[in-house]
Amino acid sequence: MSQGNYQLLADAVLFVHLAIVVFIVGGFAFIVVGNLRDWRWVNALWFRLAHLAAIAVVVAQGWLGAACPLTTLEMWLRARARETTYSGSFIEHWLQNVLYYEAPTWVFSLVYTLFGLIVAASWWYFPPSVNRRRRKEKA
């Protein structure tokens, strides 16, 4: 595979990483706003479980001091592309500025944990709905 292909794959991984961050943060905003506006879909069990699982993985990584697998994959791809910095492309540059911050590790663990606790509390305040339809209602 050529160096350019590795860079494209690295940029794609960075984009997926950003999409997950947006899902976690934006998903919580949708849960709160959706409940205040009576949007039923925001309490769908599949959505709430996916959201809770996503933040749980982030919190666990923070507490365990584990590197994010997406970051690890992106860095491996960039190394294969013989890149040493993030100044390769426009997409890469701006997505990196959004995703990567300079702060001590404990700050990230604290923020992830607090956000995870807020997400968990939302299950109590805005409980997910289990839509169980009976066969009689379908007929």
C-alpha atoms as a PDB file:
ATOM      1  CA  MET A   1       0.000   0.000   0.000  1.00  0.00           C
ATOM      2  CA  SER A   2       1.307   3.467  -0.804  1.00  0.00           C
ATOM      3  CA  GLN A   3       2.095   6.166   1.731  1.00  0.00           C
ATOM      4  CA  GLY A   4      -0.810   8.242   0.423  1.00  0.00           C
ATOM      5  CA  ASN A   5      -3.234   5.394   1.104  1.00  0.00           C
ATOM      6  CA  TYR A   6      -1.982   5.104   4.692  1.00  0.00           C
ATOM      7  CA  GLN A   7      -2.527   8.825   5.150  1.00  0.00           C
ATOM      8  CA  LEU A   8      -6.072   8.563   3.799  1.00  0.00           C
ATOM      9  CA  LEU A   9      -6.796   5.691   6.165  1.00  0.00           C
ATOM     10  CA  ALA A  10      -5.312   7.655   9.079  1.00  0.00           C
ATOM     11  CA  ASP A  11      -7.545  10.614   8.198  1.00  0.00           C
ATOM     12  CA  ALA A  12     -10.558   8.272   8.039  1.00  0.00           C
ATOM     13  CA  VAL A  13      -9.742   6.880  11.499  1.00  0.00           C
ATOM     14  CA  LEU A  14      -9.433  10.444  12.817  1.00  0.00           C
ATOM     15  CA  PHE A  15     -12.845  11.266  11.321  1.00  0.00           C
ATOM     16  CA  VAL A  16     -14.416   8.168  12.938  1.00  0.00           C
ATOM     17  CA  HIS A  17     -12.823   9.189  16.237  1.00  0.00           C
ATOM     18  CA  LEU A  18     -14.394  12.636  15.963  1.00  0.00           C
ATOM     19  CA  ALA A  19     -17.767  11.088  15.068  1.00  0.00           C
ATOM     20  CA  ILE A  20     -17.664   9.008  18.256  1.00  0.00           C
ATOM     21  CA  VAL A  21     -16.844  12.086  20.334  1.00  0.00           C
ATOM     22  CA  VAL A  22     -19.752  13.932  18.696  1.00  0.00           C
ATOM     23  CA  PHE A  23     -22.038  10.943  19.391  1.00  0.00           C
ATOM     24  CA  ILE A  24     -21.084  10.915  23.070  1.00  0.00           C
ATOM     25  CA  VAL A  25     -21.378  14.654  23.670  1.00  0.00           C
ATOM     26  CA  GLY A  26     -24.137  15.363  21.157  1.00  0.00           C
ATOM     27  CA  GLY A  27     -26.043  12.239  22.149  1.00  0.00           C
ATOM     28  CA  PHE A  28     -26.259  13.485  25.713  1.00  0.00           C
ATOM     29  CA  ALA A  29     -27.484  16.866  24.489  1.00  0.00           C
ATOM     30  CA  PHE A  30     -30.157  15.097  22.424  1.00  0.00           C
ATOM     31  CA  ILE A  31     -31.221  13.057  25.458  1.00  0.00           C
ATOM     32  CA  VAL A  32     -31.706  16.149  27.611  1.00  0.00           C
ATOM     33  CA  VAL A  33     -33.256  18.391  24.944  1.00  0.00           C
ATOM     34  CA  GLY A  34     -35.304  15.525  23.513  1.00  0.00           C
ATOM     35  CA  ASN A  35     -36.835  14.736  26.885  1.00  0.00           C
ATOM     36  CA  LEU A  36     -37.648  18.386  27.473  1.00  0.00           C
ATOM     37  CA  ARG A  37     -39.341  18.507  24.040  1.00  0.00           C
ATOM     38  CA  ASP A  38     -41.002  15.098  24.261  1.00  0.00           C
ATOM     39  CA  TRP A  39     -38.987  13.398  21.520  1.00  0.00           C
ATOM     40  CA  ARG A  40     -39.620   9.718  22.203  1.00  0.00           C
ATOM     41  CA  TRP A  41     -36.767   8.386  20.082  1.00  0.00           C
ATOM     42  CA  VAL A  42     -34.132   9.800  22.454  1.00  0.00           C
ATOM     43  CA  ASN A  43     -35.224   7.269  25.075  1.00  0.00           C
ATOM     44  CA  ALA A  44     -35.084   4.256  22.779  1.00  0.00           C
ATOM     45  CA  LEU A  45     -33.263   1.541  24.638  1.00  0.00           C
ATOM     46  CA  TRP A  46     -30.831   0.809  21.769  1.00  0.00           C
ATOM     47  CA  PHE A  47     -29.791   4.483  21.587  1.00  0.00           C
ATOM     48  CA  ARG A  48     -29.389   4.849  25.344  1.00  0.00           C
ATOM     49  CA  LEU A  49     -27.416   1.593  25.647  1.00  0.00           C
ATOM     50  CA  ALA A  50     -25.093   2.563  22.775  1.00  0.00           C
ATOM     51  CA  HIS A  51     -24.544   5.967  24.358  1.00  0.00           C
ATOM     52  CA  LEU A  52     -23.895   4.549  27.822  1.00  0.00           C
ATOM     53  CA  ALA A  53     -21.531   1.907  26.435  1.00  0.00           C
ATOM     54  CA  ALA A  54     -19.553   4.532  24.489  1.00  0.00           C
ATOM     55  CA  ILE A  55     -18.937   6.747  27.519  1.00  0.00           C
ATOM     56  CA  ALA A  56     -18.269   3.684  29.713  1.00  0.00           C
ATOM     57  CA  VAL A  57     -15.441   2.630  27.382  1.00  0.00           C
ATOM     58  CA  VAL A  58     -13.949   6.130  27.520  1.00  0.00           C
ATOM     59  CA  VAL A  59     -14.179   6.241  31.330  1.00  0.00           C
ATOM     60  CA  ALA A  60     -12.626   2.767  31.638  1.00  0.00           C
ATOM     61  CA  GLN A  61      -9.753   3.747  29.352  1.00  0.00           C
ATOM     62  CA  GLY A  62      -9.161   6.858  31.450  1.00  0.00           C
ATOM     63  CA  TRP A  63      -9.073   4.951  34.731  1.00  0.00           C
ATOM     64  CA  LEU A  64      -6.926   2.147  33.340  1.00  0.00           C
ATOM     65  CA  GLY A  65      -4.534   4.554  31.656  1.00  0.00           C
ATOM     66  CA  ALA A  66      -5.109   2.737  28.384  1.00  0.00           C
ATOM     67  CA  ALA A  67      -4.533   4.433  25.075  1.00  0.00           C
ATOM     68  CA  CYS A  68      -7.560   4.759  22.844  1.00  0.00           C
ATOM     69  CA  PRO A  69      -7.393   2.055  20.163  1.00  0.00           C
ATOM     70  CA  LEU A  70      -8.420   4.590  17.526  1.00  0.00           C
ATOM     71  CA  THR A  71      -5.529   6.855  18.475  1.00  0.00           C
ATOM     72  CA  THR A  72      -3.166   3.880  18.415  1.00  0.00           C
ATOM     73  CA  LEU A  73      -4.425   2.817  14.976  1.00  0.00           C
ATOM     74  CA  GLU A  74      -4.195   6.351  13.622  1.00  0.00           C
ATOM     75  CA  MET A  75      -0.616   6.756  14.856  1.00  0.00           C
ATOM     76  CA  TRP A  76       0.358   3.385  13.342  1.00  0.00           C
ATOM     77  CA  LEU A  77      -1.133   4.400  10.005  1.00  0.00           C
ATOM     78  CA  ARG A  78       0.660   7.741  10.120  1.00  0.00           C
ATOM     79  CA  ALA A  79       3.950   5.985  10.881  1.00  0.00           C
ATOM     80  CA  ARG A  80       3.372   3.702   7.871  1.00  0.00           C
ATOM     81  CA  ALA A  81       2.760   6.841   5.798  1.00  0.00           C
ATOM     82  CA  ARG A  82       6.095   8.152   7.140  1.00  0.00           C
ATOM     83  CA  GLU A  83       4.433  11.137   8.746  1.00  0.00           C
ATOM     84  CA  THR A  84       5.867  12.665  11.878  1.00  0.00           C
ATOM     85  CA  THR A  85       3.446  15.544  12.432  1.00  0.00           C
ATOM     86  CA  TYR A  86      -0.216  16.330  11.960  1.00  0.00           C
ATOM     87  CA  SER A  87       0.357  19.014   9.364  1.00  0.00           C
ATOM     88  CA  GLY A  88      -0.342  16.699   6.418  1.00  0.00           C
ATOM     89  CA  SER A  89      -3.809  17.721   5.290  1.00  0.00           C
ATOM     90  CA  PHE A  90      -6.551  20.222   5.970  1.00  0.00           C
ATOM     91  CA  ILE A  91      -8.936  17.615   7.413  1.00  0.00           C
ATOM     92  CA  GLU A  92      -6.219  16.144   9.541  1.00  0.00           C
ATOM     93  CA  HIS A  93      -5.150  19.528  10.915  1.00  0.00           C
ATOM     94  CA  TRP A  94      -8.606  20.708  11.981  1.00  0.00           C
ATOM     95  CA  LEU A  95      -9.883  17.398  13.319  1.00  0.00           C
ATOM     96  CA  GLN A  96      -6.722  17.064  15.390  1.00  0.00           C
ATOM     97  CA  ASN A  97      -7.242  20.498  16.917  1.00  0.00           C
ATOM     98  CA  VAL A  98     -10.755  19.475  17.953  1.00  0.00           C
ATOM     99  CA  LEU A  99      -9.808  16.049  19.353  1.00  0.00           C
ATOM    100  CA  TYR A 100      -6.418  16.389  21.005  1.00  0.00           C
ATOM    101  CA  TYR A 101      -5.813  18.700  23.949  1.00  0.00           C
ATOM    102  CA  GLU A 102      -2.729  19.331  26.059  1.00  0.00           C
ATOM    103  CA  ALA A 103      -3.463  18.546  29.714  1.00  0.00           C
ATOM    104  CA  PRO A 104      -2.324  16.132  32.415  1.00  0.00           C
ATOM    105  CA  THR A 105      -3.798  12.631  32.191  1.00  0.00           C
ATOM    106  CA  TRP A 106      -5.696  12.994  35.472  1.00  0.00           C
ATOM    107  CA  VAL A 107      -7.679  15.908  34.013  1.00  0.00           C
ATOM    108  CA  PHE A 108      -9.024  13.692  31.245  1.00  0.00           C
ATOM    109  CA  SER A 109      -9.869  10.872  33.668  1.00  0.00           C
ATOM    110  CA  LEU A 110     -11.725  13.337  35.899  1.00  0.00           C
ATOM    111  CA  VAL A 111     -13.674  14.904  33.015  1.00  0.00           C
ATOM    112  CA  TYR A 112     -14.535  11.493  31.530  1.00  0.00           C
ATOM    113  CA  THR A 113     -15.662  10.202  34.928  1.00  0.00           C
ATOM    114  CA  LEU A 114     -17.817  13.251  35.691  1.00  0.00           C
ATOM    115  CA  PHE A 115     -19.419  13.100  32.257  1.00  0.00           C
ATOM    116  CA  GLY A 116     -19.974   9.352  32.662  1.00  0.00           C
ATOM    117  CA  LEU A 117     -21.672   9.949  36.020  1.00  0.00           C
ATOM    118  CA  ILE A 118     -23.913  12.596  34.455  1.00  0.00           C
ATOM    119  CA  VAL A 119     -24.846  10.167  31.661  1.00  0.00           C
ATOM    120  CA  ALA A 120     -25.597   7.463  34.245  1.00  0.00           C
ATOM    121  CA  ALA A 121     -27.726   9.911  36.249  1.00  0.00           C
ATOM    122  CA  SER A 122     -29.691  10.718  33.100  1.00  0.00           C
ATOM    123  CA  TRP A 123     -30.893   7.087  33.140  1.00  0.00           C
ATOM    124  CA  TRP A 124     -32.602   7.836  36.436  1.00  0.00           C
ATOM    125  CA  TYR A 125     -33.919  11.285  35.491  1.00  0.00           C
ATOM    126  CA  PHE A 126     -34.820  10.406  31.879  1.00  0.00           C
ATOM    127  CA  PRO A 127     -35.266   6.613  31.919  1.00  0.00           C
ATOM    128  CA  PRO A 128     -35.004   4.765  28.616  1.00  0.00           C
ATOM    129  CA  SER A 129     -38.192   3.269  27.287  1.00  0.00           C
ATOM    130  CA  VAL A 130     -38.675  -0.345  26.467  1.00  0.00           C
ATOM    131  CA  ASN A 131     -41.173  -0.528  23.639  1.00  0.00           C
ATOM    132  CA  ARG A 132     -42.772  -3.924  24.030  1.00  0.00           C
ATOM    133  CA  ARG A 133     -45.556  -4.524  21.599  1.00  0.00           C
ATOM    134  CA  ARG A 134     -47.903  -7.370  22.089  1.00  0.00           C
ATOM    135  CA  ARG A 135     -48.864  -9.632  19.231  1.00  0.00           C
ATOM    136  CA  LYS A 136     -52.497  -8.587  19.642  1.00  0.00           C
ATOM    137  CA  GLU A 137     -51.614  -4.954  18.972  1.00  0.00           C
ATOM    138  CA  LYS A 138     -49.838  -5.901  15.731  1.00  0.00           C
ATOM    139  CA  ALA A 139     -52.877  -7.708  14.345  1.00  0.00           C
END
